[in-house]
Protein backbone atom coordinates (compact mmCIF):
# COMPACT_ATOMS: atom_id res chain seq x y z
CA MET A 1 -7.13 -27.88 -29.53
CA ASN A 2 -3.96 -29.09 -31.23
CA ASP A 3 -0.92 -26.85 -31.86
CA ALA A 4 -1.85 -25.93 -35.44
CA GLU A 5 -5.43 -25.05 -34.47
CA LEU A 6 -4.23 -22.95 -31.52
CA LEU A 7 -1.73 -21.03 -33.66
CA GLU A 8 -4.37 -20.38 -36.33
CA TRP A 9 -6.87 -19.24 -33.69
CA CYS A 10 -4.27 -16.84 -32.24
CA ARG A 11 -3.34 -15.55 -35.69
CA ALA A 12 -6.99 -14.79 -36.53
CA LYS A 13 -7.62 -13.07 -33.19
CA ALA A 14 -4.41 -11.00 -33.47
CA GLU A 15 -5.36 -9.80 -36.95
CA ALA A 16 -8.91 -8.87 -35.93
CA ASN A 17 -8.23 -7.15 -32.58
CA LYS A 18 -5.78 -4.88 -30.76
CA TYR A 19 -5.03 -7.78 -28.46
CA ILE A 20 -5.91 -11.43 -27.98
CA SER A 21 -8.40 -12.21 -25.22
CA PHE A 22 -8.23 -15.91 -24.41
CA PRO A 23 -11.44 -17.49 -23.08
CA GLU A 24 -10.85 -19.01 -19.64
CA GLU A 25 -11.69 -22.51 -20.87
CA LEU A 26 -9.03 -22.24 -23.59
CA LEU A 27 -6.46 -20.96 -21.08
CA ASN A 28 -7.21 -23.99 -18.92
CA GLU A 29 -6.57 -26.32 -21.89
CA ILE A 30 -3.30 -24.77 -23.09
CA THR A 31 -0.30 -26.85 -22.03
CA ALA A 32 2.99 -25.31 -20.93
CA GLU A 33 4.54 -26.44 -24.23
CA GLN A 34 1.74 -24.83 -26.25
CA ALA A 35 2.09 -21.57 -24.32
CA LEU A 36 5.82 -21.51 -25.16
CA LEU A 37 5.06 -22.32 -28.80
CA VAL A 38 2.52 -19.50 -29.11
CA ALA A 39 4.83 -17.04 -27.32
CA GLY A 40 7.66 -17.97 -29.69
CA MET A 41 5.58 -17.76 -32.87
CA PHE A 42 4.27 -14.24 -32.36
CA GLY A 43 6.41 -11.14 -32.07
CA ALA A 44 6.66 -8.75 -29.16
CA ASN A 45 4.06 -6.55 -30.85
CA THR A 46 1.31 -9.14 -30.34
CA LEU A 47 -0.59 -8.41 -27.14
CA ILE A 48 -2.84 -10.41 -24.85
CA LEU A 49 -5.32 -9.44 -22.14
CA LEU A 50 -4.29 -10.99 -18.84
CA PRO A 51 -6.63 -13.80 -17.69
CA GLU A 52 -9.36 -13.04 -15.17
CA LYS A 53 -7.42 -14.52 -12.23
CA GLU A 54 -4.53 -12.18 -13.05
CA ARG A 55 -6.83 -9.19 -13.39
CA ASN A 56 -8.30 -10.06 -9.97
CA PHE A 57 -4.80 -10.09 -8.50
CA PHE A 58 -4.00 -6.68 -10.00
CA GLU A 59 -7.28 -5.23 -8.75
CA TRP A 60 -6.21 -6.41 -5.28
CA LEU A 61 -2.83 -4.75 -5.86
CA LYS A 62 -4.55 -1.52 -6.92
CA ALA A 63 -6.37 -1.42 -3.58
CA GLU A 64 -3.44 -2.61 -1.42
CA ASP A 65 -0.49 -0.80 -3.05
CA PRO A 66 -1.75 1.87 -5.48
CA ALA A 67 1.74 3.30 -6.08
CA VAL A 68 2.98 -0.06 -7.40
CA TRP A 69 -0.15 -0.50 -9.53
CA GLU A 70 0.41 2.99 -10.97
CA ASP A 71 4.09 2.21 -11.63
CA LEU A 72 3.09 -0.93 -13.53
CA TRP A 73 0.09 0.23 -15.52
CA GLY A 74 0.70 3.98 -15.74
CA GLY A 75 -2.86 5.05 -15.19
CA GLU A 76 -5.36 6.10 -17.83
CA GLU A 77 -3.38 9.15 -18.98
CA SER A 78 -0.58 6.94 -20.31
CA GLY A 79 -2.79 5.57 -23.09
CA ILE A 80 -1.77 2.01 -22.20
CA GLU A 81 -4.71 -0.22 -21.36
CA PRO A 82 -4.20 -1.93 -17.99
CA TYR A 83 -3.71 -5.69 -18.03
CA VAL A 84 -2.66 -5.87 -21.68
CA VAL A 85 0.84 -7.36 -22.04
CA ALA A 86 3.10 -8.92 -24.65
CA ILE A 87 2.20 -12.45 -25.69
CA GLY A 88 5.63 -13.55 -24.47
CA PHE A 89 4.10 -13.61 -20.96
CA LEU A 90 1.59 -16.31 -21.93
CA PRO A 91 3.65 -19.13 -20.30
CA LYS A 92 3.69 -17.15 -17.04
CA VAL A 93 -0.10 -16.79 -16.89
CA THR A 94 -1.15 -20.28 -17.98
CA GLY A 95 -0.67 -23.73 -16.52
CA GLY A 96 1.92 -23.84 -13.77
CA GLY A 97 3.14 -20.26 -14.27
CA ARG A 98 3.32 -17.95 -11.26
CA GLY A 99 1.56 -15.13 -13.07
CA PHE A 100 2.67 -11.84 -14.58
CA PRO A 101 5.82 -10.90 -12.63
CA ILE A 102 6.24 -7.56 -10.91
CA CYS A 103 9.94 -7.05 -11.51
CA ASP A 104 10.53 -3.85 -13.47
CA LEU A 105 9.18 -1.07 -11.28
CA VAL A 106 10.73 2.33 -11.86
CA ALA A 107 9.17 4.62 -9.25
CA CYS A 108 8.85 1.98 -6.51
CA ASP A 109 11.23 -0.55 -5.04
CA ASN A 110 11.12 -4.01 -6.59
CA TYR A 111 10.65 -7.07 -4.42
CA TYR A 112 11.23 -9.84 -6.96
CA PHE A 113 13.29 -12.84 -5.96
CA THR A 114 14.78 -15.92 -7.65
CA GLN A 115 16.79 -18.85 -6.32
CA GLU A 116 19.95 -16.86 -7.08
CA HIS A 117 18.91 -14.30 -4.43
CA ILE A 118 19.24 -16.96 -1.71
CA ILE A 119 22.88 -16.33 -0.92
CA SER A 120 24.48 -18.11 2.02
CA GLU A 121 25.03 -21.36 3.89
CA GLU A 122 22.58 -20.07 6.51
CA SER A 123 19.93 -19.90 3.79
CA LYS A 124 20.38 -23.59 3.02
CA LEU A 125 19.88 -24.40 6.69
CA MET A 126 16.78 -22.22 6.83
CA LEU A 127 15.42 -23.82 3.67
CA GLU A 128 15.95 -27.33 5.06
CA SER A 129 14.30 -26.30 8.33
CA ALA A 130 11.32 -24.86 6.43
CA LYS A 131 10.96 -28.07 4.39
CA GLU A 132 11.08 -30.18 7.56
CA ARG A 133 8.44 -28.01 9.24
CA LEU A 134 6.25 -28.18 6.14
CA MET A 135 6.52 -31.99 5.98
CA ALA A 136 5.68 -32.18 9.71
CA LYS A 137 2.65 -29.90 9.05
CA GLN A 138 4.02 -27.30 11.44
CA LYS A 139 3.32 -23.61 11.02
CA LEU A 140 5.92 -21.66 9.04
CA THR A 141 6.88 -18.06 9.67
CA PRO A 142 6.40 -15.68 6.73
CA ALA A 143 10.21 -15.60 6.31
CA GLN A 144 10.43 -19.41 6.16
CA LEU A 145 7.49 -19.60 3.78
CA LEU A 146 8.99 -16.92 1.52
CA THR A 147 12.35 -18.72 1.43
CA LEU A 148 10.58 -21.93 0.46
CA GLU A 149 8.57 -20.18 -2.27
CA ILE A 150 11.67 -18.49 -3.72
CA SER A 151 13.47 -21.84 -3.81
CA ILE A 152 10.65 -23.29 -5.95
CA SER A 153 10.23 -20.54 -8.53
CA PRO A 154 10.75 -16.77 -8.92
CA ILE A 155 8.13 -14.72 -7.09
CA ASP A 156 7.44 -11.11 -6.17
CA ILE A 157 6.37 -10.03 -2.70
CA TRP A 158 2.92 -8.91 -3.83
CA ARG A 159 2.08 -12.29 -5.37
CA PHE A 160 3.43 -13.96 -2.23
CA ALA A 161 1.26 -11.79 0.05
CA TYR A 162 -1.80 -12.31 -2.15
CA ASN A 163 -1.41 -16.09 -2.42
CA TYR A 164 -0.91 -16.56 1.32
CA LYS A 165 -3.22 -13.78 2.52
CA ILE A 166 -0.33 -12.15 4.37
CA GLY A 167 -0.33 -8.39 4.88
CA LEU A 168 2.13 -6.52 2.68
CA ALA A 169 3.84 -5.04 5.74
CA ASP A 170 4.37 -8.55 7.13
CA ALA A 171 5.66 -9.81 3.77
CA LYS A 172 8.11 -6.92 3.50
CA GLN A 173 9.20 -7.51 7.10
CA ALA A 174 9.94 -11.13 6.13
CA VAL A 175 12.22 -9.82 3.37
CA GLN A 176 13.93 -7.48 5.84
CA THR A 177 14.45 -10.34 8.31
CA LEU A 178 15.95 -12.56 5.60
CA VAL A 179 18.25 -9.75 4.43
CA GLU A 180 19.42 -9.04 7.99
CA ASP A 181 20.04 -12.75 8.54
CA LYS A 182 22.10 -12.84 5.33
CA VAL A 183 19.78 -15.42 3.79
CA LEU A 184 18.54 -13.22 0.95
CA ILE A 185 19.85 -10.39 -1.18
CA HIS A 186 17.32 -7.69 -2.07
CA LEU A 187 17.93 -5.92 -5.37
CA SER A 188 15.33 -3.17 -5.45
CA LYS A 189 16.20 -1.46 -8.75
CA ALA A 190 14.86 -2.83 -12.05
CA GLU A 191 18.23 -2.52 -13.80
CA HIS A 192 19.85 -4.74 -11.15
CA LEU A 193 17.15 -7.40 -11.62
CA ALA A 194 17.42 -7.60 -15.41
CA ASN A 195 19.85 -10.55 -15.36
CA PHE A 196 17.53 -12.55 -13.07
CA ILE A 197 14.38 -12.31 -15.20
CA GLU A 198 13.54 -15.19 -17.53
């Protein structure tokens, strides 16, 4: 589907429904550039249903950390349908995007990290060590793996734990270790993270 066809398809779906539900095959076809184009052409009031892989992740989150799920989606009494988000998140949930970021929790601590959260000379040494171990196909500790992931692209601890099948307690312990070793800064409040969110 070319750009004009995609925009027209989105326009028709937005006019006919409360939100746009992209078929999986279309999501797989959309390029990063097209996702940015669509996100830019529609206002913040246009909504999309998160793709199935994202919904699967959030169902895992609901089982593993119900308080965070509740903080994000507000439960049924809020009137907000779970997994429906602004179309501006389309680039995050298609192509090479990391997925819908968990970075604006109010009732729970945030565990969202970007490259700017890696703060010291020690962190550069740890990152180089992690890269060397990865290239040598040696096992990485959760802390090394998390540092490597953060250096690539912003990520939250829940996505990290889900992607690597690491327990949440172990993932949070990796954060604690990195903070204690002065490799990482942990900003747990949403208002402190605002400047780090793309």
